[in-house]
Amino acid sequence: MSPYEITYPGGSVEHWNEEPGAVWLQRFVDIYPHMAWLNPTHPSGWEYSGSTDLIRQIVGGHRMFPLTVKGVEEATKELGR
C-alpha cells in the first residue's frame, strides 16, 4: 500500500474510492479493538517506509507484527491478553 492510497481519496490504482484508506483502516480498528496487523516487510525496514509509519499510527505500533512464524506467535499472544 502506498502512502497515497492511505492519505488521499481515489488513491488506489484499481478502484476509485471517495475516502482515503486511512478512513477504512480506522473503521476496522474501531470495530475490532483487539486486532493485529501482520506486516510482510521485515521489521528492519519498517522505519524507512512511509506507508508502514502511517499504518502504525492508525492501528497502533503495539499491534504490528512481522509476517513470520514468530510474528504470528507474538500476535496471537498479544490478542490473548
C-alpha atoms as a PDB file:
ATOM      1  CA  MET A   1       0.000   0.000   0.000  1.00  0.00           C
ATOM      2  CA  SER A   2       1.425   3.346  -0.947  1.00  0.00           C
ATOM      3  CA  PRO A   3       1.184   6.446   1.254  1.00  0.00           C
ATOM      4  CA  TYR A   4      -1.048   7.953  -1.419  1.00  0.00           C
ATOM      5  CA  GLU A   5      -3.578   5.102  -1.020  1.00  0.00           C
ATOM      6  CA  ILE A   6      -3.678   5.728   2.719  1.00  0.00           C
ATOM      7  CA  THR A   7      -3.923   9.510   2.704  1.00  0.00           C
ATOM      8  CA  TYR A   8      -5.872  10.548  -0.410  1.00  0.00           C
ATOM      9  CA  PRO A   9      -9.343   9.823  -1.771  1.00  0.00           C
ATOM     10  CA  GLY A  10      -9.087   7.868  -5.003  1.00  0.00           C
ATOM     11  CA  GLY A  11      -5.544   6.804  -4.118  1.00  0.00           C
ATOM     12  CA  SER A  12      -5.960   3.208  -5.222  1.00  0.00           C
ATOM     13  CA  VAL A  13      -4.739   2.297  -8.688  1.00  0.00           C
ATOM     14  CA  GLU A  14      -7.501  -0.308  -9.241  1.00  0.00           C
ATOM     15  CA  HIS A  15     -10.552   1.360  -7.786  1.00  0.00           C
ATOM     16  CA  TRP A  16     -11.807   4.870  -7.160  1.00  0.00           C
ATOM     17  CA  ASN A  17     -12.811   5.311  -3.543  1.00  0.00           C
ATOM     18  CA  GLU A  18     -14.177   8.601  -2.282  1.00  0.00           C
ATOM     19  CA  GLU A  19     -12.456   8.116   1.077  1.00  0.00           C
ATOM     20  CA  PRO A  20      -8.755   7.599   1.764  1.00  0.00           C
ATOM     21  CA  GLY A  21      -7.527   4.243   3.021  1.00  0.00           C
ATOM     22  CA  ALA A  22      -6.882   5.723   6.475  1.00  0.00           C
ATOM     23  CA  VAL A  23     -10.633   6.136   6.971  1.00  0.00           C
ATOM     24  CA  TRP A  24     -11.181   2.454   6.192  1.00  0.00           C
ATOM     25  CA  LEU A  25      -8.309   1.356   8.406  1.00  0.00           C
ATOM     26  CA  GLN A  26      -9.659   3.444  11.291  1.00  0.00           C
ATOM     27  CA  ARG A  27     -13.105   1.882  10.856  1.00  0.00           C
ATOM     28  CA  PHE A  28     -11.509  -1.545  11.087  1.00  0.00           C
ATOM     29  CA  VAL A  29      -9.636  -0.564  14.273  1.00  0.00           C
ATOM     30  CA  ASP A  30     -12.827   0.858  15.778  1.00  0.00           C
ATOM     31  CA  ILE A  31     -14.828  -2.301  15.027  1.00  0.00           C
ATOM     32  CA  TYR A  32     -12.058  -4.700  16.093  1.00  0.00           C
ATOM     33  CA  PRO A  33     -10.241  -3.146  19.051  1.00  0.00           C
ATOM     34  CA  HIS A  34      -8.347  -6.413  19.610  1.00  0.00           C
ATOM     35  CA  MET A  35      -6.585  -6.833  16.312  1.00  0.00           C
ATOM     36  CA  ALA A  36      -3.125  -7.492  14.949  1.00  0.00           C
ATOM     37  CA  TRP A  37      -1.549  -6.190  11.757  1.00  0.00           C
ATOM     38  CA  LEU A  38       0.788  -8.687  10.096  1.00  0.00           C
ATOM     39  CA  ASN A  39       3.352  -6.858   8.012  1.00  0.00           C
ATOM     40  CA  PRO A  40       5.114  -8.845   5.250  1.00  0.00           C
ATOM     41  CA  THR A  41       8.071  -6.442   5.273  1.00  0.00           C
ATOM     42  CA  HIS A  42      10.981  -7.308   7.559  1.00  0.00           C
ATOM     43  CA  PRO A  43      10.897  -5.132  10.716  1.00  0.00           C
ATOM     44  CA  SER A  44      14.330  -3.695   9.904  1.00  0.00           C
ATOM     45  CA  GLY A  45      12.701  -1.808   7.031  1.00  0.00           C
ATOM     46  CA  TRP A  46       9.644  -0.532   8.889  1.00  0.00           C
ATOM     47  CA  GLU A  47      11.234   2.763   9.895  1.00  0.00           C
ATOM     48  CA  TYR A  48      12.068   3.553   6.257  1.00  0.00           C
ATOM     49  CA  SER A  49       8.564   3.059   4.893  1.00  0.00           C
ATOM     50  CA  GLY A  50       6.125   5.948   4.900  1.00  0.00           C
ATOM     51  CA  SER A  51       3.215   3.557   4.462  1.00  0.00           C
ATOM     52  CA  THR A  52       4.262   1.424   7.413  1.00  0.00           C
ATOM     53  CA  ASP A  53       4.600   4.517   9.591  1.00  0.00           C
ATOM     54  CA  LEU A  54       1.122   5.711   8.626  1.00  0.00           C
ATOM     55  CA  ILE A  55      -0.418   2.292   9.301  1.00  0.00           C
ATOM     56  CA  ARG A  56       1.381   2.015  12.650  1.00  0.00           C
ATOM     57  CA  GLN A  57      -0.087   5.387  13.654  1.00  0.00           C
ATOM     58  CA  ILE A  58      -3.589   4.230  12.741  1.00  0.00           C
ATOM     59  CA  VAL A  59      -3.584   0.680  14.112  1.00  0.00           C
ATOM     60  CA  GLY A  60      -1.125   1.288  16.935  1.00  0.00           C
ATOM     61  CA  GLY A  61       2.523   0.291  16.887  1.00  0.00           C
ATOM     62  CA  HIS A  62       1.986  -2.383  19.530  1.00  0.00           C
ATOM     63  CA  ARG A  63      -0.351  -4.216  17.124  1.00  0.00           C
ATOM     64  CA  MET A  64       2.054  -4.595  14.199  1.00  0.00           C
ATOM     65  CA  PHE A  65       3.947  -7.849  13.867  1.00  0.00           C
ATOM     66  CA  PRO A  66       6.138  -9.335  11.138  1.00  0.00           C
ATOM     67  CA  LEU A  67       4.525 -11.946   8.904  1.00  0.00           C
ATOM     68  CA  THR A  68       6.711 -14.768  10.163  1.00  0.00           C
ATOM     69  CA  VAL A  69       6.009 -17.798  12.323  1.00  0.00           C
ATOM     70  CA  LYS A  70       7.431 -15.936  15.329  1.00  0.00           C
ATOM     71  CA  GLY A  71       5.474 -12.786  14.444  1.00  0.00           C
ATOM     72  CA  VAL A  72       2.215 -14.741  14.228  1.00  0.00           C
ATOM     73  CA  GLU A  73       3.004 -16.348  17.593  1.00  0.00           C
ATOM     74  CA  GLU A  74       3.638 -12.899  19.130  1.00  0.00           C
ATOM     75  CA  ALA A  75       0.444 -11.514  17.594  1.00  0.00           C
ATOM     76  CA  THR A  76      -1.539 -14.458  18.967  1.00  0.00           C
ATOM     77  CA  LYS A  77      -0.097 -13.877  22.456  1.00  0.00           C
ATOM     78  CA  GLU A  78      -0.970 -10.169  22.253  1.00  0.00           C
ATOM     79  CA  LEU A  79      -4.524 -10.967  21.150  1.00  0.00           C
ATOM     80  CA  GLY A  80      -4.891 -13.410  24.045  1.00  0.00           C
ATOM     81  CA  ARG A  81      -4.237 -10.716  26.650  1.00  0.00           C
END
